[in-house]
Amino acid sequence: MTRTAATLLMGAGFMLAFAPSACTPNEDAGECDSNRPCSTRGEVCDTLEKLCVEADVDVDATADPPATGNFGPLALPFFRGKVCIANKAKPGDVIPVSISPCIHPCITNMGFHKKHTWRCVGTTCEGLNFGWIDAQGTACPADVFGRFDPSMCTYDLTIDASQGPFNPSGMSIGGIVTTEVPFISNEDSARVDGGADNDELWAMVNAYPADDERIFEINLNDSNPSAPANCSDDPSLCDCFDIGF
């Protein structure tokens, strides 16, 4: 049979009409979904729009006002106060960190706790420092967990903590590393106090936006002096910062 131009055109049209659906462009995957969480701190996934949006979190208080003025004991995290850190040290040094929490005078400190962790990806290292007290409240105001007048702050204690040494796989890291004294809630602090593992610690911190004033750079270089044992004996050996005011 002789195929004419018309016959060939009809055949091509038939093939196009029944082309496999795989050639149809895929639906936009979006930024995230229920199986692909957002990677930026302080963001959550709007699964309907498949977009990462800012999480609705309160960083102006560690908990809602107490139902009555009396509470506790509970794990009250560091929210505001003073942090001191040795920002220059040698690779392999333990870095001293001191945490002095601003505590409302209605709170009795029943004991304090500290915890630190760190992680490295290649030679990029970051750490977390947590400090909290066992707080007993008596006749406390509604803003006891929030931004009450700084003139009311009492500084009953300084927690001598540390960070590092940053030595993944036994190799001491040099260069710039960081540690953070993060914002967390009372509920988060109870989880830290209860023994939350490292994955849980990083996940709870990353649920809140990064706050630059809570993140401290540490220069690790062989030409630096060795880190002091702590920041309490001689504060001039450390840099100190007011946090959260």
C-alpha atoms as a PDB file:
ATOM      1  CA  MET A   1       0.000   0.000   0.000  1.00  0.00           C
ATOM      2  CA  THR A   2       1.229   3.462  -0.832  1.00  0.00           C
ATOM      3  CA  ARG A   3       1.351   5.819   2.182  1.00  0.00           C
ATOM      4  CA  THR A   4       0.294   9.325   1.281  1.00  0.00           C
ATOM      5  CA  ALA A   5       1.187  12.489   3.249  1.00  0.00           C
ATOM      6  CA  ALA A   6      -2.374  12.570   4.639  1.00  0.00           C
ATOM      7  CA  THR A   7      -2.040   9.004   5.896  1.00  0.00           C
ATOM      8  CA  LEU A   8       1.252   9.801   7.631  1.00  0.00           C
ATOM      9  CA  LEU A   9      -0.196  12.919   9.281  1.00  0.00           C
ATOM     10  CA  MET A  10      -3.190  10.964  10.582  1.00  0.00           C
ATOM     11  CA  GLY A  11      -0.893   8.303  11.997  1.00  0.00           C
ATOM     12  CA  ALA A  12       1.282  10.900  13.749  1.00  0.00           C
ATOM     13  CA  GLY A  13      -1.791  12.519  15.258  1.00  0.00           C
ATOM     14  CA  PHE A  14      -2.982   9.147  16.540  1.00  0.00           C
ATOM     15  CA  MET A  15       0.408   8.487  18.205  1.00  0.00           C
ATOM     16  CA  LEU A  16       0.493  11.928  19.856  1.00  0.00           C
ATOM     17  CA  ALA A  17      -3.021  11.508  21.161  1.00  0.00           C
ATOM     18  CA  PHE A  18      -2.009   8.298  22.936  1.00  0.00           C
ATOM     19  CA  ALA A  19       1.476   9.349  24.087  1.00  0.00           C
ATOM     20  CA  PRO A  20       2.422   7.911  27.512  1.00  0.00           C
ATOM     21  CA  SER A  21       1.463  10.040  30.478  1.00  0.00           C
ATOM     22  CA  ALA A  22       5.112   9.955  31.681  1.00  0.00           C
ATOM     23  CA  CYS A  23       5.788  12.833  29.302  1.00  0.00           C
ATOM     24  CA  THR A  24       3.412  15.061  31.284  1.00  0.00           C
ATOM     25  CA  PRO A  25       5.332  17.423  33.624  1.00  0.00           C
ATOM     26  CA  ASN A  26       5.293  16.348  37.276  1.00  0.00           C
ATOM     27  CA  GLU A  27       3.383  18.330  39.875  1.00  0.00           C
ATOM     28  CA  ASP A  28       5.556  20.868  41.720  1.00  0.00           C
ATOM     29  CA  ALA A  29       7.064  19.069  44.731  1.00  0.00           C
ATOM     30  CA  GLY A  30       7.229  22.316  46.715  1.00  0.00           C
ATOM     31  CA  GLU A  31       9.674  23.122  49.496  1.00  0.00           C
ATOM     32  CA  CYS A  32       8.505  20.469  51.959  1.00  0.00           C
ATOM     33  CA  ASP A  33       5.826  17.939  52.841  1.00  0.00           C
ATOM     34  CA  SER A  34       4.935  15.559  55.671  1.00  0.00           C
ATOM     35  CA  ASN A  35       7.974  13.439  54.816  1.00  0.00           C
ATOM     36  CA  ARG A  36      10.368  16.323  53.998  1.00  0.00           C
ATOM     37  CA  PRO A  37      10.588  18.729  56.944  1.00  0.00           C
ATOM     38  CA  CYS A  38      11.955  22.250  56.611  1.00  0.00           C
ATOM     39  CA  SER A  39      15.710  22.571  57.078  1.00  0.00           C
ATOM     40  CA  THR A  40      15.764  26.196  58.274  1.00  0.00           C
ATOM     41  CA  ARG A  41      15.614  26.826  62.016  1.00  0.00           C
ATOM     42  CA  GLY A  42      12.324  28.092  63.360  1.00  0.00           C
ATOM     43  CA  GLU A  43      10.339  27.027  60.286  1.00  0.00           C
ATOM     44  CA  VAL A  44       7.610  24.417  59.886  1.00  0.00           C
ATOM     45  CA  CYS A  45       5.963  22.966  56.813  1.00  0.00           C
ATOM     46  CA  ASP A  46       2.576  24.187  55.594  1.00  0.00           C
ATOM     47  CA  THR A  47       1.714  20.794  54.112  1.00  0.00           C
ATOM     48  CA  LEU A  48      -1.240  22.184  52.160  1.00  0.00           C
ATOM     49  CA  GLU A  49       0.841  24.786  50.332  1.00  0.00           C
ATOM     50  CA  LYS A  50       4.068  22.756  50.559  1.00  0.00           C
ATOM     51  CA  LEU A  51       5.868  25.846  51.808  1.00  0.00           C
ATOM     52  CA  CYS A  52       8.158  26.444  54.780  1.00  0.00           C
ATOM     53  CA  VAL A  53       6.717  29.128  57.053  1.00  0.00           C
ATOM     54  CA  GLU A  54       7.865  30.713  60.299  1.00  0.00           C
ATOM     55  CA  ALA A  55       6.806  28.680  63.304  1.00  0.00           C
ATOM     56  CA  ASP A  56       4.400  30.325  65.728  1.00  0.00           C
ATOM     57  CA  VAL A  57       6.600  30.140  68.829  1.00  0.00           C
ATOM     58  CA  ASP A  58       6.871  32.503  71.792  1.00  0.00           C
ATOM     59  CA  VAL A  59      10.459  33.429  72.673  1.00  0.00           C
ATOM     60  CA  ASP A  60       9.476  36.159  75.157  1.00  0.00           C
ATOM     61  CA  ALA A  61       8.734  33.702  77.959  1.00  0.00           C
ATOM     62  CA  THR A  62       9.690  30.138  78.773  1.00  0.00           C
ATOM     63  CA  ALA A  63       6.118  29.202  79.762  1.00  0.00           C
ATOM     64  CA  ASP A  64       2.631  30.625  80.181  1.00  0.00           C
ATOM     65  CA  PRO A  65       1.953  32.453  83.466  1.00  0.00           C
ATOM     66  CA  PRO A  66       1.566  30.007  86.349  1.00  0.00           C
ATOM     67  CA  ALA A  67      -2.027  29.213  87.296  1.00  0.00           C
ATOM     68  CA  THR A  68      -1.279  30.438  90.811  1.00  0.00           C
ATOM     69  CA  GLY A  69       1.695  32.273  92.234  1.00  0.00           C
ATOM     70  CA  ASN A  70       3.056  29.024  93.655  1.00  0.00           C
ATOM     71  CA  PHE A  71       4.706  26.282  91.609  1.00  0.00           C
ATOM     72  CA  GLY A  72       7.477  23.757  91.447  1.00  0.00           C
ATOM     73  CA  PRO A  73       9.905  22.506  91.813  1.00  0.00           C
ATOM     74  CA  LEU A  74      10.336  22.573  88.040  1.00  0.00           C
ATOM     75  CA  ALA A  75      13.264  22.662  85.610  1.00  0.00           C
ATOM     76  CA  LEU A  76      13.642  26.382  84.846  1.00  0.00           C
ATOM     77  CA  PRO A  77      16.019  26.989  81.909  1.00  0.00           C
ATOM     78  CA  PHE A  78      18.433  29.866  81.471  1.00  0.00           C
ATOM     79  CA  PHE A  79      16.432  32.622  79.743  1.00  0.00           C
ATOM     80  CA  ARG A  80      18.167  35.889  80.622  1.00  0.00           C
ATOM     81  CA  GLY A  81      21.369  36.701  82.449  1.00  0.00           C
ATOM     82  CA  LYS A  82      25.110  36.684  81.861  1.00  0.00           C
ATOM     83  CA  VAL A  83      27.225  34.241  79.873  1.00  0.00           C
ATOM     84  CA  CYS A  84      31.040  34.239  79.974  1.00  0.00           C
ATOM     85  CA  ILE A  85      33.212  32.217  77.613  1.00  0.00           C
ATOM     86  CA  ALA A  86      36.870  31.889  76.670  1.00  0.00           C
ATOM     87  CA  ASN A  87      36.713  32.759  72.981  1.00  0.00           C
ATOM     88  CA  LYS A  88      40.357  31.882  72.232  1.00  0.00           C
ATOM     89  CA  ALA A  89      42.013  28.574  73.032  1.00  0.00           C
ATOM     90  CA  LYS A  90      44.187  25.838  71.592  1.00  0.00           C
ATOM     91  CA  PRO A  91      42.766  22.944  69.545  1.00  0.00           C
ATOM     92  CA  GLY A  92      41.824  20.121  71.903  1.00  0.00           C
ATOM     93  CA  ASP A  93      41.177  22.431  74.869  1.00  0.00           C
ATOM     94  CA  VAL A  94      38.087  22.205  77.036  1.00  0.00           C
ATOM     95  CA  ILE A  95      36.404  25.621  76.716  1.00  0.00           C
ATOM     96  CA  PRO A  96      35.106  27.169  79.961  1.00  0.00           C
ATOM     97  CA  VAL A  97      31.584  28.605  79.872  1.00  0.00           C
ATOM     98  CA  SER A  98      29.872  30.245  82.846  1.00  0.00           C
ATOM     99  CA  ILE A  99      26.122  30.828  83.029  1.00  0.00           C
ATOM    100  CA  SER A 100      24.608  33.265  85.552  1.00  0.00           C
ATOM    101  CA  PRO A 101      20.807  33.210  85.271  1.00  0.00           C
ATOM    102  CA  CYS A 102      18.573  36.168  86.085  1.00  0.00           C
ATOM    103  CA  ILE A 103      16.093  34.717  88.613  1.00  0.00           C
ATOM    104  CA  HIS A 104      12.974  36.432  89.929  1.00  0.00           C
ATOM    105  CA  PRO A 105      13.193  36.984  93.715  1.00  0.00           C
ATOM    106  CA  CYS A 106      10.009  34.955  94.232  1.00  0.00           C
ATOM    107  CA  ILE A 107      11.918  31.846  93.104  1.00  0.00           C
ATOM    108  CA  THR A 108      13.981  29.677  95.421  1.00  0.00           C
ATOM    109  CA  ASN A 109      16.839  27.843  93.741  1.00  0.00           C
ATOM    110  CA  MET A 110      16.715  24.222  94.899  1.00  0.00           C
ATOM    111  CA  GLY A 111      19.732  23.123  92.843  1.00  0.00           C
ATOM    112  CA  PHE A 112      21.319  23.650  89.445  1.00  0.00           C
ATOM    113  CA  HIS A 113      22.269  21.478  86.477  1.00  0.00           C
ATOM    114  CA  LYS A 114      24.289  21.754  83.274  1.00  0.00           C
ATOM    115  CA  LYS A 115      24.718  19.808  80.068  1.00  0.00           C
ATOM    116  CA  HIS A 116      26.640  20.322  76.863  1.00  0.00           C
ATOM    117  CA  THR A 117      26.923  18.601  73.521  1.00  0.00           C
ATOM    118  CA  TRP A 118      28.598  19.276  70.190  1.00  0.00           C
ATOM    119  CA  ARG A 119      28.675  17.977  66.645  1.00  0.00           C
ATOM    120  CA  CYS A 120      30.901  18.406  63.593  1.00  0.00           C
ATOM    121  CA  VAL A 121      30.323  18.089  59.865  1.00  0.00           C
ATOM    122  CA  GLY A 122      33.820  17.867  58.452  1.00  0.00           C
ATOM    123  CA  THR A 123      35.718  20.654  60.200  1.00  0.00           C
ATOM    124  CA  THR A 124      32.596  22.762  60.870  1.00  0.00           C
ATOM    125  CA  CYS A 125      31.685  22.306  64.532  1.00  0.00           C
ATOM    126  CA  GLU A 126      28.940  23.691  66.733  1.00  0.00           C
ATOM    127  CA  GLY A 127      27.934  23.109  70.336  1.00  0.00           C
ATOM    128  CA  LEU A 128      25.075  23.624  72.752  1.00  0.00           C
ATOM    129  CA  ASN A 129      25.250  24.596  76.438  1.00  0.00           C
ATOM    130  CA  PHE A 130      22.237  24.140  78.700  1.00  0.00           C
ATOM    131  CA  GLY A 131      21.871  25.432  82.231  1.00  0.00           C
ATOM    132  CA  TRP A 132      18.798  25.111  84.456  1.00  0.00           C
ATOM    133  CA  ILE A 133      17.724  25.216  88.077  1.00  0.00           C
ATOM    134  CA  ASP A 134      15.194  23.353  90.182  1.00  0.00           C
ATOM    135  CA  ALA A 135      12.858  26.305  90.772  1.00  0.00           C
ATOM    136  CA  GLN A 136      10.323  26.634  93.582  1.00  0.00           C
ATOM    137  CA  GLY A 137       8.003  29.646  93.232  1.00  0.00           C
ATOM    138  CA  THR A 138       6.091  31.390  95.998  1.00  0.00           C
ATOM    139  CA  ALA A 139       3.631  34.259  95.382  1.00  0.00           C
ATOM    140  CA  CYS A 140       5.110  34.871  91.936  1.00  0.00           C
ATOM    141  CA  PRO A 141       3.756  37.417  89.414  1.00  0.00           C
ATOM    142  CA  ALA A 142       2.369  36.485  85.992  1.00  0.00           C
ATOM    143  CA  ASP A 143       5.583  37.458  84.196  1.00  0.00           C
ATOM    144  CA  VAL A 144       7.859  35.289  86.354  1.00  0.00           C
ATOM    145  CA  PHE A 145       8.780  33.169  83.289  1.00  0.00           C
ATOM    146  CA  GLY A 146       9.012  36.185  80.995  1.00  0.00           C
ATOM    147  CA  ARG A 147      10.604  39.594  80.625  1.00  0.00           C
ATOM    148  CA  PHE A 148      10.000  41.044  84.082  1.00  0.00           C
ATOM    149  CA  ASP A 149      11.806  44.279  85.000  1.00  0.00           C
ATOM    150  CA  PRO A 150      15.572  43.553  84.869  1.00  0.00           C
ATOM    151  CA  SER A 151      16.020  45.515  88.105  1.00  0.00           C
ATOM    152  CA  MET A 152      14.235  42.592  89.799  1.00  0.00           C
ATOM    153  CA  CYS A 153      16.886  40.079  88.715  1.00  0.00           C
ATOM    154  CA  THR A 154      18.699  38.166  91.401  1.00  0.00           C
ATOM    155  CA  TYR A 155      21.919  36.329  90.570  1.00  0.00           C
ATOM    156  CA  ASP A 156      22.069  33.613  93.185  1.00  0.00           C
ATOM    157  CA  LEU A 157      24.543  31.409  91.391  1.00  0.00           C
ATOM    158  CA  THR A 158      27.016  31.005  88.559  1.00  0.00           C
ATOM    159  CA  ILE A 159      27.067  27.662  86.784  1.00  0.00           C
ATOM    160  CA  ASP A 160      30.629  26.746  85.775  1.00  0.00           C
ATOM    161  CA  ALA A 161      30.123  24.748  82.601  1.00  0.00           C
ATOM    162  CA  SER A 162      32.285  23.839  79.621  1.00  0.00           C
ATOM    163  CA  GLN A 163      32.267  23.034  75.925  1.00  0.00           C
ATOM    164  CA  GLY A 164      34.325  20.585  73.910  1.00  0.00           C
ATOM    165  CA  PRO A 165      36.917  19.482  73.353  1.00  0.00           C
ATOM    166  CA  PHE A 166      36.002  19.463  69.670  1.00  0.00           C
ATOM    167  CA  ASN A 167      37.764  16.276  68.568  1.00  0.00           C
ATOM    168  CA  PRO A 168      35.685  14.221  66.117  1.00  0.00           C
ATOM    169  CA  SER A 169      37.270  10.829  65.468  1.00  0.00           C
ATOM    170  CA  GLY A 170      40.013  11.774  67.888  1.00  0.00           C
ATOM    171  CA  MET A 171      41.209  14.677  65.718  1.00  0.00           C
ATOM    172  CA  SER A 172      41.432  18.087  67.407  1.00  0.00           C
ATOM    173  CA  ILE A 173      39.726  20.743  65.299  1.00  0.00           C
ATOM    174  CA  GLY A 174      41.296  24.153  64.655  1.00  0.00           C
ATOM    175  CA  GLY A 175      39.693  27.325  63.327  1.00  0.00           C
ATOM    176  CA  ILE A 176      36.372  28.903  64.289  1.00  0.00           C
ATOM    177  CA  VAL A 177      33.792  26.814  66.137  1.00  0.00           C
ATOM    178  CA  THR A 178      30.632  27.968  67.925  1.00  0.00           C
ATOM    179  CA  THR A 179      28.630  27.185  70.985  1.00  0.00           C
ATOM    180  CA  GLU A 180      25.110  28.345  71.780  1.00  0.00           C
ATOM    181  CA  VAL A 181      23.255  28.909  75.025  1.00  0.00           C
ATOM    182  CA  PRO A 182      19.856  28.437  73.408  1.00  0.00           C
ATOM    183  CA  PHE A 183      16.367  29.586  74.201  1.00  0.00           C
ATOM    184  CA  ILE A 184      14.220  26.653  75.305  1.00  0.00           C
ATOM    185  CA  SER A 185      10.914  26.434  77.166  1.00  0.00           C
ATOM    186  CA  ASN A 186      10.199  25.003  80.616  1.00  0.00           C
ATOM    187  CA  GLU A 187       8.730  21.967  78.899  1.00  0.00           C
ATOM    188  CA  ASP A 188      11.888  21.521  76.814  1.00  0.00           C
ATOM    189  CA  SER A 189      14.022  21.954  79.915  1.00  0.00           C
ATOM    190  CA  ALA A 190      12.140  19.144  81.628  1.00  0.00           C
ATOM    191  CA  ARG A 191      13.066  16.912  78.691  1.00  0.00           C
ATOM    192  CA  VAL A 192      16.735  17.926  78.967  1.00  0.00           C
ATOM    193  CA  ASP A 193      16.564  17.203  82.700  1.00  0.00           C
ATOM    194  CA  GLY A 194      14.983  13.839  81.912  1.00  0.00           C
ATOM    195  CA  GLY A 195      17.915  12.758  79.736  1.00  0.00           C
ATOM    196  CA  ALA A 196      16.923  13.730  76.172  1.00  0.00           C
ATOM    197  CA  ASP A 197      19.425  12.317  73.678  1.00  0.00           C
ATOM    198  CA  ASN A 198      21.504  14.424  71.286  1.00  0.00           C
ATOM    199  CA  ASP A 199      19.048  14.185  68.396  1.00  0.00           C
ATOM    200  CA  GLU A 200      16.256  15.407  70.674  1.00  0.00           C
ATOM    201  CA  LEU A 201      18.419  18.258  71.981  1.00  0.00           C
ATOM    202  CA  TRP A 202      19.238  19.576  68.512  1.00  0.00           C
ATOM    203  CA  ALA A 203      15.631  19.158  67.346  1.00  0.00           C
ATOM    204  CA  MET A 204      14.211  21.144  70.289  1.00  0.00           C
ATOM    205  CA  VAL A 205      16.746  23.958  69.790  1.00  0.00           C
ATOM    206  CA  ASN A 206      16.144  24.101  66.032  1.00  0.00           C
ATOM    207  CA  ALA A 207      12.415  24.509  66.614  1.00  0.00           C
ATOM    208  CA  TYR A 208      13.169  28.147  67.539  1.00  0.00           C
ATOM    209  CA  PRO A 209      14.695  30.859  65.329  1.00  0.00           C
ATOM    210  CA  ALA A 210      18.428  31.393  65.708  1.00  0.00           C
ATOM    211  CA  ASP A 211      19.333  34.265  68.038  1.00  0.00           C
ATOM    212  CA  ASP A 212      22.769  35.682  67.265  1.00  0.00           C
ATOM    213  CA  GLU A 213      23.327  37.002  70.783  1.00  0.00           C
ATOM    214  CA  ARG A 214      23.131  33.444  72.117  1.00  0.00           C
ATOM    215  CA  ILE A 215      25.720  32.036  69.688  1.00  0.00           C
ATOM    216  CA  PHE A 216      29.414  32.508  70.497  1.00  0.00           C
ATOM    217  CA  GLU A 217      32.428  32.043  68.256  1.00  0.00           C
ATOM    218  CA  ILE A 218      35.543  30.351  69.627  1.00  0.00           C
ATOM    219  CA  ASN A 219      38.899  30.668  67.877  1.00  0.00           C
ATOM    220  CA  LEU A 220      40.966  27.479  68.191  1.00  0.00           C
ATOM    221  CA  ASN A 221      44.576  28.001  67.150  1.00  0.00           C
ATOM    222  CA  ASP A 222      47.914  26.634  68.336  1.00  0.00           C
ATOM    223  CA  SER A 223      49.192  30.203  68.721  1.00  0.00           C
ATOM    224  CA  ASN A 224      46.471  31.024  71.281  1.00  0.00           C
ATOM    225  CA  PRO A 225      47.026  30.682  75.024  1.00  0.00           C
ATOM    226  CA  SER A 226      45.543  27.602  76.643  1.00  0.00           C
ATOM    227  CA  ALA A 227      41.980  27.986  77.872  1.00  0.00           C
ATOM    228  CA  PRO A 228      41.591  28.821  81.579  1.00  0.00           C
ATOM    229  CA  ALA A 229      40.063  26.234  83.884  1.00  0.00           C
ATOM    230  CA  ASN A 230      36.932  28.360  84.352  1.00  0.00           C
ATOM    231  CA  CYS A 231      35.588  31.884  83.924  1.00  0.00           C
ATOM    232  CA  SER A 232      34.801  32.430  87.606  1.00  0.00           C
ATOM    233  CA  ASP A 233      38.254  32.701  89.190  1.00  0.00           C
ATOM    234  CA  ASP A 234      39.438  35.425  86.800  1.00  0.00           C
ATOM    235  CA  PRO A 235      36.627  36.787  84.585  1.00  0.00           C
ATOM    236  CA  SER A 236      39.167  38.911  82.661  1.00  0.00           C
ATOM    237  CA  LEU A 237      40.314  35.686  80.945  1.00  0.00           C
ATOM    238  CA  CYS A 238      36.853  35.318  79.384  1.00  0.00           C
ATOM    239  CA  ASP A 239      34.462  37.528  77.432  1.00  0.00           C
ATOM    240  CA  CYS A 240      31.137  38.146  79.163  1.00  0.00           C
ATOM    241  CA  PHE A 241      27.773  39.022  77.605  1.00  0.00           C
ATOM    242  CA  ASP A 242      24.337  40.043  78.875  1.00  0.00           C
ATOM    243  CA  ILE A 243      21.746  37.831  77.211  1.00  0.00           C
ATOM    244  CA  GLY A 244      18.010  38.251  76.724  1.00  0.00           C
ATOM    245  CA  PHE A 245      17.497  41.856  77.849  1.00  0.00           C
END
